[in-house]
Amino acid sequence: MEFYSSQNLLSMRVKIIGVPDYFVEHGSVQEQRQETGLTPERLITELKALIPRKRRRA
């Protein structure tokens, strides 16, 4: 999926969301999600960006 995402080879949008490739400090699940950007708010923002917006006619 990462290959398809980077090459834009599919007729659909693909967004890779996951834990970055670095050491994540110990902490609560909530703290780790905040550090890696895997919060519900960020996920919602990323998903909304994938949804095509309807164009308004002038």
PDB file of N, CA and C in Angstrom:
ATOM      1  N   MET A   1       0.821  -1.186   0.000  1.00  0.00           N
ATOM      2  CA  MET A   1       0.000   0.000   0.000  1.00  0.00           C
ATOM      3  C   MET A   1       0.871   1.259   0.000  1.00  0.00           C
ATOM      4  N   GLU A   2       1.998   1.184   0.688  1.00  0.00           N
ATOM      5  CA  GLU A   2       2.878   2.353   0.708  1.00  0.00           C
ATOM      6  C   GLU A   2       3.386   2.673  -0.706  1.00  0.00           C
ATOM      7  N   PHE A   3       3.712   1.656  -1.477  1.00  0.00           N
ATOM      8  CA  PHE A   3       4.147   1.864  -2.855  1.00  0.00           C
ATOM      9  C   PHE A   3       3.048   2.531  -3.675  1.00  0.00           C
ATOM     10  N   TYR A   4       1.828   1.998  -3.599  1.00  0.00           N
ATOM     11  CA  TYR A   4       0.717   2.569  -4.360  1.00  0.00           C
ATOM     12  C   TYR A   4       0.441   4.007  -3.930  1.00  0.00           C
ATOM     13  N   SER A   5       0.559   4.260  -2.638  1.00  0.00           N
ATOM     14  CA  SER A   5       0.327   5.603  -2.133  1.00  0.00           C
ATOM     15  C   SER A   5       1.349   6.584  -2.696  1.00  0.00           C
ATOM     16  N   SER A   6       2.624   6.187  -2.702  1.00  0.00           N
ATOM     17  CA  SER A   6       3.670   7.092  -3.156  1.00  0.00           C
ATOM     18  C   SER A   6       3.666   7.282  -4.678  1.00  0.00           C
ATOM     19  N   GLN A   7       3.174   6.299  -5.424  1.00  0.00           N
ATOM     20  CA  GLN A   7       3.188   6.368  -6.890  1.00  0.00           C
ATOM     21  C   GLN A   7       1.868   6.808  -7.505  1.00  0.00           C
ATOM     22  N   ASN A   8       0.834   6.957  -6.699  1.00  0.00           N
ATOM     23  CA  ASN A   8      -0.495   7.330  -7.200  1.00  0.00           C
ATOM     24  C   ASN A   8      -0.952   6.409  -8.327  1.00  0.00           C
ATOM     25  N   LEU A   9      -0.823   5.101  -8.124  1.00  0.00           N
ATOM     26  CA  LEU A   9      -1.144   4.136  -9.168  1.00  0.00           C
ATOM     27  C   LEU A   9      -2.585   3.630  -9.120  1.00  0.00           C
ATOM     28  N   LEU A  10      -3.268   3.869  -8.058  1.00  0.00           N
ATOM     29  CA  LEU A  10      -4.642   3.395  -7.963  1.00  0.00           C
ATOM     30  C   LEU A  10      -5.611   4.520  -8.282  1.00  0.00           C
ATOM     31  N   SER A  11      -6.803   4.149  -8.677  1.00  0.00           N
ATOM     32  CA  SER A  11      -7.812   5.165  -8.956  1.00  0.00           C
ATOM     33  C   SER A  11      -8.481   5.651  -7.673  1.00  0.00           C
ATOM     34  N   MET A  12      -7.986   5.171  -6.540  1.00  0.00           N
ATOM     35  CA  MET A  12      -8.515   5.620  -5.254  1.00  0.00           C
ATOM     36  C   MET A  12      -7.392   6.256  -4.453  1.00  0.00           C
ATOM     37  N   ARG A  13      -7.752   7.061  -3.498  1.00  0.00           N
ATOM     38  CA  ARG A  13      -6.755   7.701  -2.648  1.00  0.00           C
ATOM     39  C   ARG A  13      -6.339   6.730  -1.547  1.00  0.00           C
ATOM     40  N   VAL A  14      -5.047   6.677  -1.311  1.00  0.00           N
ATOM     41  CA  VAL A  14      -4.494   5.825  -0.260  1.00  0.00           C
ATOM     42  C   VAL A  14      -3.639   6.703   0.629  1.00  0.00           C
ATOM     43  N   LYS A  15      -3.871   6.645   1.912  1.00  0.00           N
ATOM     44  CA  LYS A  15      -3.093   7.422   2.881  1.00  0.00           C
ATOM     45  C   LYS A  15      -2.538   6.459   3.912  1.00  0.00           C
ATOM     46  N   ILE A  16      -1.217   6.438   4.064  1.00  0.00           N
ATOM     47  CA  ILE A  16      -0.576   5.580   5.040  1.00  0.00           C
ATOM     48  C   ILE A  16      -0.498   6.339   6.356  1.00  0.00           C
ATOM     49  N   ILE A  17      -1.101   5.781   7.384  1.00  0.00           N
ATOM     50  CA  ILE A  17      -1.070   6.381   8.712  1.00  0.00           C
ATOM     51  C   ILE A  17      -0.593   5.305   9.678  1.00  0.00           C
ATOM     52  N   GLY A  18       0.458   5.596  10.417  1.00  0.00           N
ATOM     53  CA  GLY A  18       0.979   4.612  11.350  1.00  0.00           C
ATOM     54  C   GLY A  18       2.007   5.224  12.272  1.00  0.00           C
ATOM     55  N   VAL A  19       2.617   4.370  13.049  1.00  0.00           N
ATOM     56  CA  VAL A  19       3.632   4.809  13.999  1.00  0.00           C
ATOM     57  C   VAL A  19       4.916   5.108  13.231  1.00  0.00           C
ATOM     58  N   PRO A  20       5.501   6.292  13.427  1.00  0.00           N
ATOM     59  CA  PRO A  20       6.741   6.632  12.742  1.00  0.00           C
ATOM     60  C   PRO A  20       7.872   5.680  13.139  1.00  0.00           C
ATOM     61  N   ASP A  21       8.894   5.621  12.328  1.00  0.00           N
ATOM     62  CA  ASP A  21      10.012   4.717  12.552  1.00  0.00           C
ATOM     63  C   ASP A  21      11.058   5.366  13.464  1.00  0.00           C
ATOM     64  N   TYR A  22      10.730   5.537  14.713  1.00  0.00           N
ATOM     65  CA  TYR A  22      11.673   6.017  15.717  1.00  0.00           C
ATOM     66  C   TYR A  22      11.229   5.495  17.074  1.00  0.00           C
ATOM     67  N   PHE A  23      12.130   5.555  18.038  1.00  0.00           N
ATOM     68  CA  PHE A  23      11.829   5.049  19.365  1.00  0.00           C
ATOM     69  C   PHE A  23      10.786   5.944  20.032  1.00  0.00           C
ATOM     70  N   VAL A  24       9.714   5.331  20.497  1.00  0.00           N
ATOM     71  CA  VAL A  24       8.656   6.062  21.185  1.00  0.00           C
ATOM     72  C   VAL A  24       8.885   5.878  22.688  1.00  0.00           C
ATOM     73  N   GLU A  25       8.967   6.980  23.399  1.00  0.00           N
ATOM     74  CA  GLU A  25       9.201   6.935  24.842  1.00  0.00           C
ATOM     75  C   GLU A  25       8.093   6.164  25.546  1.00  0.00           C
ATOM     76  N   HIS A  26       8.443   5.609  26.694  1.00  0.00           N
ATOM     77  CA  HIS A  26       7.447   4.917  27.505  1.00  0.00           C
ATOM     78  C   HIS A  26       6.451   5.926  28.051  1.00  0.00           C
ATOM     79  N   GLY A  27       5.245   5.485  28.237  1.00  0.00           N
ATOM     80  CA  GLY A  27       4.195   6.332  28.775  1.00  0.00           C
ATOM     81  C   GLY A  27       2.867   5.637  28.608  1.00  0.00           C
ATOM     82  N   SER A  28       1.817   6.332  28.963  1.00  0.00           N
ATOM     83  CA  SER A  28       0.490   5.756  28.803  1.00  0.00           C
ATOM     84  C   SER A  28       0.166   5.648  27.316  1.00  0.00           C
ATOM     85  N   VAL A  29      -0.839   4.876  27.005  1.00  0.00           N
ATOM     86  CA  VAL A  29      -1.258   4.730  25.606  1.00  0.00           C
ATOM     87  C   VAL A  29      -1.619   6.100  25.043  1.00  0.00           C
ATOM     88  N   GLN A  30      -2.321   6.897  25.813  1.00  0.00           N
ATOM     89  CA  GLN A  30      -2.725   8.228  25.358  1.00  0.00           C
ATOM     90  C   GLN A  30      -1.498   9.099  25.071  1.00  0.00           C
ATOM     91  N   GLU A  31      -0.485   9.048  25.932  1.00  0.00           N
ATOM     92  CA  GLU A  31       0.724   9.835  25.719  1.00  0.00           C
ATOM     93  C   GLU A  31       1.471   9.368  24.468  1.00  0.00           C
ATOM     94  N   GLN A  32       1.524   8.068  24.253  1.00  0.00           N
ATOM     95  CA  GLN A  32       2.206   7.537  23.080  1.00  0.00           C
ATOM     96  C   GLN A  32       1.462   7.907  21.800  1.00  0.00           C
ATOM     97  N   ARG A  33       0.156   7.849  21.828  1.00  0.00           N
ATOM     98  CA  ARG A  33      -0.625   8.245  20.644  1.00  0.00           C
ATOM     99  C   ARG A  33      -0.444   9.724  20.345  1.00  0.00           C
ATOM    100  N   GLN A  34      -0.384  10.539  21.393  1.00  0.00           N
ATOM    101  CA  GLN A  34      -0.168  11.975  21.206  1.00  0.00           C
ATOM    102  C   GLN A  34       1.197  12.221  20.574  1.00  0.00           C
ATOM    103  N   GLU A  35       2.225  11.526  21.060  1.00  0.00           N
ATOM    104  CA  GLU A  35       3.580  11.703  20.530  1.00  0.00           C
ATOM    105  C   GLU A  35       3.690  11.276  19.075  1.00  0.00           C
ATOM    106  N   THR A  36       3.007  10.209  18.697  1.00  0.00           N
ATOM    107  CA  THR A  36       3.098   9.694  17.334  1.00  0.00           C
ATOM    108  C   THR A  36       2.063  10.304  16.388  1.00  0.00           C
ATOM    109  N   GLY A  37       1.155  11.104  16.915  1.00  0.00           N
ATOM    110  CA  GLY A  37       0.159  11.741  16.062  1.00  0.00           C
ATOM    111  C   GLY A  37      -1.016  10.847  15.722  1.00  0.00           C
ATOM    112  N   LEU A  38      -1.220   9.791  16.494  1.00  0.00           N
ATOM    113  CA  LEU A  38      -2.333   8.880  16.220  1.00  0.00           C
ATOM    114  C   LEU A  38      -3.525   9.172  17.135  1.00  0.00           C
ATOM    115  N   THR A  39      -3.864  10.429  17.231  1.00  0.00           N
ATOM    116  CA  THR A  39      -5.007  10.836  18.040  1.00  0.00           C
ATOM    117  C   THR A  39      -6.272  10.819  17.184  1.00  0.00           C
ATOM    118  N   PRO A  40      -7.417  10.669  17.812  1.00  0.00           N
ATOM    119  CA  PRO A  40      -8.677  10.696  17.039  1.00  0.00           C
ATOM    120  C   PRO A  40      -8.823  11.991  16.223  1.00  0.00           C
ATOM    121  N   GLU A  41      -8.407  13.108  16.785  1.00  0.00           N
ATOM    122  CA  GLU A  41      -8.539  14.385  16.082  1.00  0.00           C
ATOM    123  C   GLU A  41      -7.705  14.400  14.803  1.00  0.00           C
ATOM    124  N   ARG A  42      -6.473  13.911  14.873  1.00  0.00           N
ATOM    125  CA  ARG A  42      -5.618  13.888  13.683  1.00  0.00           C
ATOM    126  C   ARG A  42      -6.165  12.915  12.650  1.00  0.00           C
ATOM    127  N   LEU A  43      -6.626  11.761  13.094  1.00  0.00           N
ATOM    128  CA  LEU A  43      -7.166  10.781  12.155  1.00  0.00           C
ATOM    129  C   LEU A  43      -8.385  11.334  11.421  1.00  0.00           C
ATOM    130  N   ILE A  44      -9.246  12.033  12.139  1.00  0.00           N
ATOM    131  CA  ILE A  44     -10.421  12.641  11.516  1.00  0.00           C
ATOM    132  C   ILE A  44      -9.986  13.679  10.480  1.00  0.00           C
ATOM    133  N   THR A  45      -8.995  14.494  10.826  1.00  0.00           N
ATOM    134  CA  THR A  45      -8.478  15.495   9.895  1.00  0.00           C
ATOM    135  C   THR A  45      -7.929  14.839   8.637  1.00  0.00           C
ATOM    136  N   GLU A  46      -7.154  13.758   8.814  1.00  0.00           N
ATOM    137  CA  GLU A  46      -6.583  13.042   7.668  1.00  0.00           C
ATOM    138  C   GLU A  46      -7.682  12.427   6.792  1.00  0.00           C
ATOM    139  N   LEU A  47      -8.699  11.848   7.416  1.00  0.00           N
ATOM    140  CA  LEU A  47      -9.785  11.244   6.650  1.00  0.00           C
ATOM    141  C   LEU A  47     -10.589  12.283   5.885  1.00  0.00           C
ATOM    142  N   LYS A  48     -10.850  13.414   6.522  1.00  0.00           N
ATOM    143  CA  LYS A  48     -11.596  14.478   5.844  1.00  0.00           C
ATOM    144  C   LYS A  48     -10.840  14.984   4.618  1.00  0.00           C
ATOM    145  N   ALA A  49      -9.505  14.999   4.702  1.00  0.00           N
ATOM    146  CA  ALA A  49      -8.697  15.466   3.575  1.00  0.00           C
ATOM    147  C   ALA A  49      -8.790  14.507   2.388  1.00  0.00           C
ATOM    148  N   LEU A  50      -9.143  13.252   2.626  1.00  0.00           N
ATOM    149  CA  LEU A  50      -9.257  12.276   1.546  1.00  0.00           C
ATOM    150  C   LEU A  50     -10.606  12.313   0.838  1.00  0.00           C
ATOM    151  N   ILE A  51     -11.598  12.906   1.474  1.00  0.00           N
ATOM    152  CA  ILE A  51     -12.944  12.942   0.907  1.00  0.00           C
ATOM    153  C   ILE A  51     -13.033  14.101  -0.086  1.00  0.00           C
ATOM    154  N   PRO A  52     -13.361  13.798  -1.331  1.00  0.00           N
ATOM    155  CA  PRO A  52     -13.467  14.886  -2.316  1.00  0.00           C
ATOM    156  C   PRO A  52     -14.598  15.843  -1.944  1.00  0.00           C
ATOM    157  N   ARG A  53     -14.337  17.097  -2.098  1.00  0.00           N
ATOM    158  CA  ARG A  53     -15.357  18.109  -1.801  1.00  0.00           C
ATOM    159  C   ARG A  53     -16.162  18.393  -3.050  1.00  0.00           C
ATOM    160  N   LYS A  54     -17.432  18.644  -2.865  1.00  0.00           N
ATOM    161  CA  LYS A  54     -18.284  18.998  -3.999  1.00  0.00           C
ATOM    162  C   LYS A  54     -17.998  20.446  -4.371  1.00  0.00           C
ATOM    163  N   ARG A  55     -17.921  20.665  -5.668  1.00  0.00           N
ATOM    164  CA  ARG A  55     -17.709  22.027  -6.158  1.00  0.00           C
ATOM    165  C   ARG A  55     -19.023  22.759  -6.219  1.00  0.00           C
ATOM    166  N   ARG A  56     -18.985  24.004  -5.821  1.00  0.00           N
ATOM    167  CA  ARG A  56     -20.174  24.841  -5.927  1.00  0.00           C
ATOM    168  C   ARG A  56     -20.149  25.576  -7.259  1.00  0.00           C
ATOM    169  N   ARG A  57     -21.301  25.696  -7.832  1.00  0.00           N
ATOM    170  CA  ARG A  57     -21.408  26.457  -9.077  1.00  0.00           C
ATOM    171  C   ARG A  57     -21.554  27.932  -8.735  1.00  0.00           C
ATOM    172  N   ALA A  58     -20.916  28.755  -9.526  1.00  0.00           N
ATOM    173  CA  ALA A  58     -20.970  30.206  -9.289  1.00  0.00           C
ATOM    174  C   ALA A  58     -22.230  30.793  -9.805  1.00  0.00           C
TER     175      ALA A  58
END
